[in-house]
Amino acid sequence: MIGERTKKKTFPKPDQFTAEVSYFSDCVSNGKQPEPSGREGLADIRIVRAIYESARTGKVVELADFAKKDRPSMKQEIDRPPHDKPGNGKS
């Protein structure tokens, strides 16, 4: 709000979960390795554990480099329309 004026912006609501389920089922059906892999999850866990350790000790926790060949790109994006809210009577 600026002075007495307000400005409202709206953005489209993406449906990330539907896209993830669609992508994963396509990988299972076609024998493809999904991205992110378990290695990506392991990297996340290492980072979270280092954060906790740093908070506990008050010291910097250094981590070894993460081995990762490819990074996700925008061409992997899957766009699905948002779904209706539960309980609205639509199926």
N, C-alpha and C. Protein backbone atom coordinates (compact mmCIF):
# COMPACT_ATOMS: atom_id res chain seq x y z
N MET A 1 0.85 -1.17 0.00
CA MET A 1 0.00 0.00 0.00
C MET A 1 0.89 1.23 0.00
N ILE A 2 0.58 2.15 -0.89
CA ILE A 2 1.30 3.41 -0.97
C ILE A 2 0.29 4.52 -0.69
N GLY A 3 0.45 5.19 0.43
CA GLY A 3 -0.53 6.21 0.80
C GLY A 3 -1.89 5.56 0.96
N GLU A 4 -2.86 6.04 0.24
CA GLU A 4 -4.22 5.48 0.27
C GLU A 4 -4.47 4.53 -0.89
N ARG A 5 -3.47 4.37 -1.75
CA ARG A 5 -3.65 3.51 -2.93
C ARG A 5 -3.16 2.10 -2.65
N THR A 6 -3.86 1.16 -3.16
CA THR A 6 -3.41 -0.23 -3.09
C THR A 6 -3.34 -0.78 -4.50
N LYS A 7 -2.47 -1.73 -4.68
CA LYS A 7 -2.34 -2.38 -5.98
C LYS A 7 -2.29 -3.88 -5.74
N LYS A 8 -3.11 -4.60 -6.43
CA LYS A 8 -3.17 -6.05 -6.25
C LYS A 8 -2.70 -6.72 -7.53
N LYS A 9 -1.79 -7.68 -7.38
CA LYS A 9 -1.32 -8.46 -8.52
C LYS A 9 -1.76 -9.90 -8.32
N THR A 10 -2.15 -10.52 -9.39
CA THR A 10 -2.49 -11.94 -9.33
C THR A 10 -1.57 -12.70 -10.27
N PHE A 11 -1.28 -13.91 -9.90
CA PHE A 11 -0.41 -14.76 -10.68
C PHE A 11 -1.10 -16.09 -10.91
N PRO A 12 -0.81 -16.74 -12.04
CA PRO A 12 -1.41 -18.05 -12.26
C PRO A 12 -0.96 -19.03 -11.19
N LYS A 13 -1.85 -19.96 -10.85
CA LYS A 13 -1.54 -20.96 -9.82
C LYS A 13 -1.10 -22.25 -10.50
N PRO A 14 0.21 -22.52 -10.49
CA PRO A 14 0.66 -23.77 -11.11
C PRO A 14 0.29 -24.96 -10.24
N ASP A 15 0.18 -26.11 -10.85
CA ASP A 15 -0.12 -27.34 -10.12
C ASP A 15 1.12 -28.22 -10.18
N GLN A 16 2.05 -27.97 -9.27
CA GLN A 16 3.32 -28.68 -9.25
C GLN A 16 3.14 -30.16 -8.96
N PHE A 17 2.23 -30.53 -8.08
CA PHE A 17 2.08 -31.93 -7.69
C PHE A 17 1.63 -32.78 -8.88
N THR A 18 0.64 -32.31 -9.63
CA THR A 18 0.16 -33.07 -10.78
C THR A 18 1.28 -33.28 -11.79
N ALA A 19 2.08 -32.23 -12.02
CA ALA A 19 3.20 -32.36 -12.95
C ALA A 19 4.22 -33.38 -12.45
N GLU A 20 4.51 -33.37 -11.15
CA GLU A 20 5.47 -34.33 -10.59
C GLU A 20 4.97 -35.76 -10.71
N VAL A 21 3.70 -35.99 -10.40
CA VAL A 21 3.14 -37.34 -10.50
C VAL A 21 3.12 -37.80 -11.95
N SER A 22 2.75 -36.92 -12.87
CA SER A 22 2.73 -37.24 -14.29
C SER A 22 4.13 -37.61 -14.78
N TYR A 23 5.11 -36.81 -14.41
CA TYR A 23 6.49 -37.06 -14.80
C TYR A 23 7.00 -38.38 -14.24
N PHE A 24 6.75 -38.62 -12.95
CA PHE A 24 7.23 -39.85 -12.32
C PHE A 24 6.58 -41.08 -12.95
N SER A 25 5.27 -41.02 -13.20
CA SER A 25 4.60 -42.18 -13.80
C SER A 25 5.11 -42.42 -15.22
N ASP A 26 5.45 -41.36 -15.95
CA ASP A 26 6.03 -41.53 -17.28
C ASP A 26 7.39 -42.22 -17.18
N CYS A 27 8.20 -41.83 -16.17
CA CYS A 27 9.50 -42.47 -15.98
C CYS A 27 9.34 -43.96 -15.68
N VAL A 28 8.39 -44.30 -14.80
CA VAL A 28 8.16 -45.71 -14.44
C VAL A 28 7.67 -46.48 -15.66
N SER A 29 6.73 -45.92 -16.38
CA SER A 29 6.15 -46.60 -17.55
C SER A 29 7.17 -46.83 -18.66
N ASN A 30 8.11 -45.90 -18.80
CA ASN A 30 9.06 -45.98 -19.92
C ASN A 30 10.48 -46.35 -19.50
N GLY A 31 10.64 -46.81 -18.25
CA GLY A 31 11.95 -47.27 -17.79
C GLY A 31 13.01 -46.19 -17.75
N LYS A 32 12.61 -44.93 -17.51
CA LYS A 32 13.57 -43.83 -17.45
C LYS A 32 13.92 -43.53 -15.99
N GLN A 33 15.12 -43.02 -15.77
CA GLN A 33 15.56 -42.63 -14.44
C GLN A 33 14.99 -41.24 -14.13
N PRO A 34 14.21 -41.10 -13.06
CA PRO A 34 13.65 -39.78 -12.75
C PRO A 34 14.70 -38.79 -12.24
N GLU A 35 14.44 -37.54 -12.49
CA GLU A 35 15.29 -36.46 -11.96
C GLU A 35 14.40 -35.58 -11.11
N PRO A 36 14.69 -35.24 -9.91
CA PRO A 36 15.95 -35.50 -9.25
C PRO A 36 16.05 -36.95 -8.77
N SER A 37 17.27 -37.41 -8.69
CA SER A 37 17.52 -38.79 -8.26
C SER A 37 17.64 -38.84 -6.74
N GLY A 38 17.90 -40.01 -6.24
CA GLY A 38 18.15 -40.17 -4.81
C GLY A 38 19.39 -39.40 -4.38
N ARG A 39 20.33 -39.22 -5.30
CA ARG A 39 21.54 -38.46 -4.98
C ARG A 39 21.20 -37.01 -4.64
N GLU A 40 20.22 -36.46 -5.34
CA GLU A 40 19.79 -35.10 -5.05
C GLU A 40 19.20 -35.02 -3.63
N GLY A 41 18.41 -36.01 -3.27
CA GLY A 41 17.85 -36.06 -1.92
C GLY A 41 18.93 -36.23 -0.87
N LEU A 42 19.94 -37.05 -1.16
CA LEU A 42 21.06 -37.24 -0.24
C LEU A 42 21.81 -35.93 -0.04
N ALA A 43 22.01 -35.18 -1.12
CA ALA A 43 22.67 -33.87 -1.01
C ALA A 43 21.86 -32.95 -0.10
N ASP A 44 20.54 -32.95 -0.26
CA ASP A 44 19.68 -32.12 0.60
C ASP A 44 19.84 -32.50 2.07
N ILE A 45 19.87 -33.79 2.35
CA ILE A 45 20.02 -34.26 3.73
C ILE A 45 21.37 -33.84 4.30
N ARG A 46 22.42 -33.95 3.51
CA ARG A 46 23.75 -33.53 3.97
C ARG A 46 23.74 -32.05 4.34
N ILE A 47 23.08 -31.24 3.54
CA ILE A 47 23.01 -29.80 3.81
C ILE A 47 22.23 -29.52 5.08
N VAL A 48 21.09 -30.18 5.25
CA VAL A 48 20.27 -29.96 6.45
C VAL A 48 21.04 -30.39 7.70
N ARG A 49 21.72 -31.51 7.63
CA ARG A 49 22.49 -31.97 8.79
C ARG A 49 23.62 -30.99 9.13
N ALA A 50 24.25 -30.43 8.10
CA ALA A 50 25.31 -29.44 8.32
C ALA A 50 24.74 -28.17 8.96
N ILE A 51 23.54 -27.78 8.56
CA ILE A 51 22.90 -26.61 9.17
C ILE A 51 22.66 -26.86 10.65
N TYR A 52 22.13 -28.03 10.99
CA TYR A 52 21.90 -28.35 12.40
C TYR A 52 23.21 -28.38 13.19
N GLU A 53 24.23 -28.99 12.60
CA GLU A 53 25.53 -29.06 13.27
C GLU A 53 26.10 -27.66 13.50
N SER A 54 25.99 -26.81 12.51
CA SER A 54 26.48 -25.44 12.62
C SER A 54 25.71 -24.67 13.70
N ALA A 55 24.40 -24.86 13.73
CA ALA A 55 23.59 -24.19 14.76
C ALA A 55 23.95 -24.69 16.15
N ARG A 56 24.22 -25.99 16.27
CA ARG A 56 24.56 -26.57 17.57
C ARG A 56 25.92 -26.10 18.06
N THR A 57 26.90 -26.04 17.15
CA THR A 57 28.27 -25.73 17.56
C THR A 57 28.63 -24.26 17.39
N GLY A 58 27.87 -23.54 16.58
CA GLY A 58 28.20 -22.14 16.30
C GLY A 58 29.37 -22.00 15.34
N LYS A 59 29.72 -23.08 14.66
CA LYS A 59 30.85 -23.07 13.74
C LYS A 59 30.40 -23.39 12.32
N VAL A 60 31.22 -22.98 11.37
CA VAL A 60 30.97 -23.30 9.96
C VAL A 60 31.21 -24.79 9.75
N VAL A 61 30.33 -25.44 9.04
CA VAL A 61 30.49 -26.85 8.70
C VAL A 61 30.74 -26.93 7.20
N GLU A 62 31.90 -27.37 6.83
CA GLU A 62 32.24 -27.48 5.41
C GLU A 62 31.83 -28.84 4.88
N LEU A 63 31.32 -28.82 3.66
CA LEU A 63 30.90 -30.05 3.00
C LEU A 63 31.76 -30.28 1.76
N ALA A 64 32.03 -31.54 1.47
CA ALA A 64 32.73 -31.87 0.24
C ALA A 64 31.83 -31.53 -0.94
N ASP A 65 32.43 -31.32 -2.11
CA ASP A 65 31.66 -31.03 -3.31
C ASP A 65 30.67 -32.14 -3.60
N PHE A 66 29.56 -31.75 -4.18
CA PHE A 66 28.54 -32.71 -4.59
C PHE A 66 28.78 -33.09 -6.04
N ALA A 67 28.84 -34.36 -6.31
CA ALA A 67 29.02 -34.82 -7.69
C ALA A 67 27.68 -34.80 -8.40
N LYS A 68 27.57 -33.96 -9.40
CA LYS A 68 26.31 -33.84 -10.15
C LYS A 68 26.67 -33.54 -11.59
N LYS A 69 26.24 -34.38 -12.50
CA LYS A 69 26.56 -34.19 -13.91
C LYS A 69 25.68 -33.11 -14.54
N ASP A 70 24.40 -33.31 -14.49
CA ASP A 70 23.47 -32.40 -15.15
C ASP A 70 22.65 -31.65 -14.12
N ARG A 71 22.28 -30.43 -14.44
CA ARG A 71 21.40 -29.64 -13.59
C ARG A 71 20.04 -29.57 -14.29
N PRO A 72 18.97 -29.48 -13.52
CA PRO A 72 17.65 -29.31 -14.14
C PRO A 72 17.60 -28.02 -14.96
N SER A 73 16.81 -28.05 -16.02
CA SER A 73 16.66 -26.87 -16.87
C SER A 73 15.17 -26.58 -17.08
N MET A 74 14.89 -25.42 -17.61
CA MET A 74 13.50 -25.03 -17.86
C MET A 74 12.83 -25.91 -18.91
N LYS A 75 13.59 -26.60 -19.75
CA LYS A 75 12.96 -27.47 -20.74
C LYS A 75 12.33 -28.70 -20.10
N GLN A 76 12.66 -28.94 -18.83
CA GLN A 76 12.04 -30.05 -18.09
C GLN A 76 10.70 -29.64 -17.48
N GLU A 77 10.36 -28.37 -17.54
CA GLU A 77 9.13 -27.89 -16.92
C GLU A 77 7.91 -28.55 -17.54
N ILE A 78 6.99 -28.97 -16.71
CA ILE A 78 5.72 -29.56 -17.14
C ILE A 78 4.63 -28.64 -16.65
N ASP A 79 3.84 -28.11 -17.56
CA ASP A 79 2.79 -27.16 -17.20
C ASP A 79 1.44 -27.88 -17.18
N ARG A 80 0.77 -27.83 -16.05
CA ARG A 80 -0.56 -28.41 -15.90
C ARG A 80 -1.47 -27.33 -15.34
N PRO A 81 -2.72 -27.29 -15.75
CA PRO A 81 -3.63 -26.29 -15.18
C PRO A 81 -3.92 -26.61 -13.72
N PRO A 82 -4.21 -25.58 -12.92
CA PRO A 82 -4.51 -25.82 -11.51
C PRO A 82 -5.81 -26.61 -11.37
N HIS A 83 -5.90 -27.38 -10.31
CA HIS A 83 -7.11 -28.14 -10.04
C HIS A 83 -8.05 -27.33 -9.16
N ASP A 84 -9.30 -27.72 -9.08
CA ASP A 84 -10.25 -27.04 -8.23
C ASP A 84 -9.99 -27.39 -6.77
N LYS A 85 -10.46 -26.54 -5.88
CA LYS A 85 -10.32 -26.81 -4.46
C LYS A 85 -11.18 -28.02 -4.08
N PRO A 86 -10.75 -28.83 -3.13
CA PRO A 86 -11.56 -29.96 -2.69
C PRO A 86 -12.90 -29.49 -2.12
N GLY A 87 -13.92 -30.27 -2.34
CA GLY A 87 -15.22 -29.98 -1.74
C GLY A 87 -16.07 -28.99 -2.52
N ASN A 88 -15.69 -28.71 -3.76
CA ASN A 88 -16.49 -27.76 -4.51
C ASN A 88 -17.59 -28.43 -5.33
N GLY A 89 -17.69 -29.75 -5.21
CA GLY A 89 -18.75 -30.48 -5.89
C GLY A 89 -18.38 -30.92 -7.31
N LYS A 90 -17.20 -30.55 -7.76
CA LYS A 90 -16.76 -30.97 -9.10
C LYS A 90 -15.93 -32.23 -8.97
N SER A 91 -15.94 -33.05 -10.00
CA SER A 91 -15.12 -34.28 -9.99
C SER A 91 -13.96 -34.13 -10.90
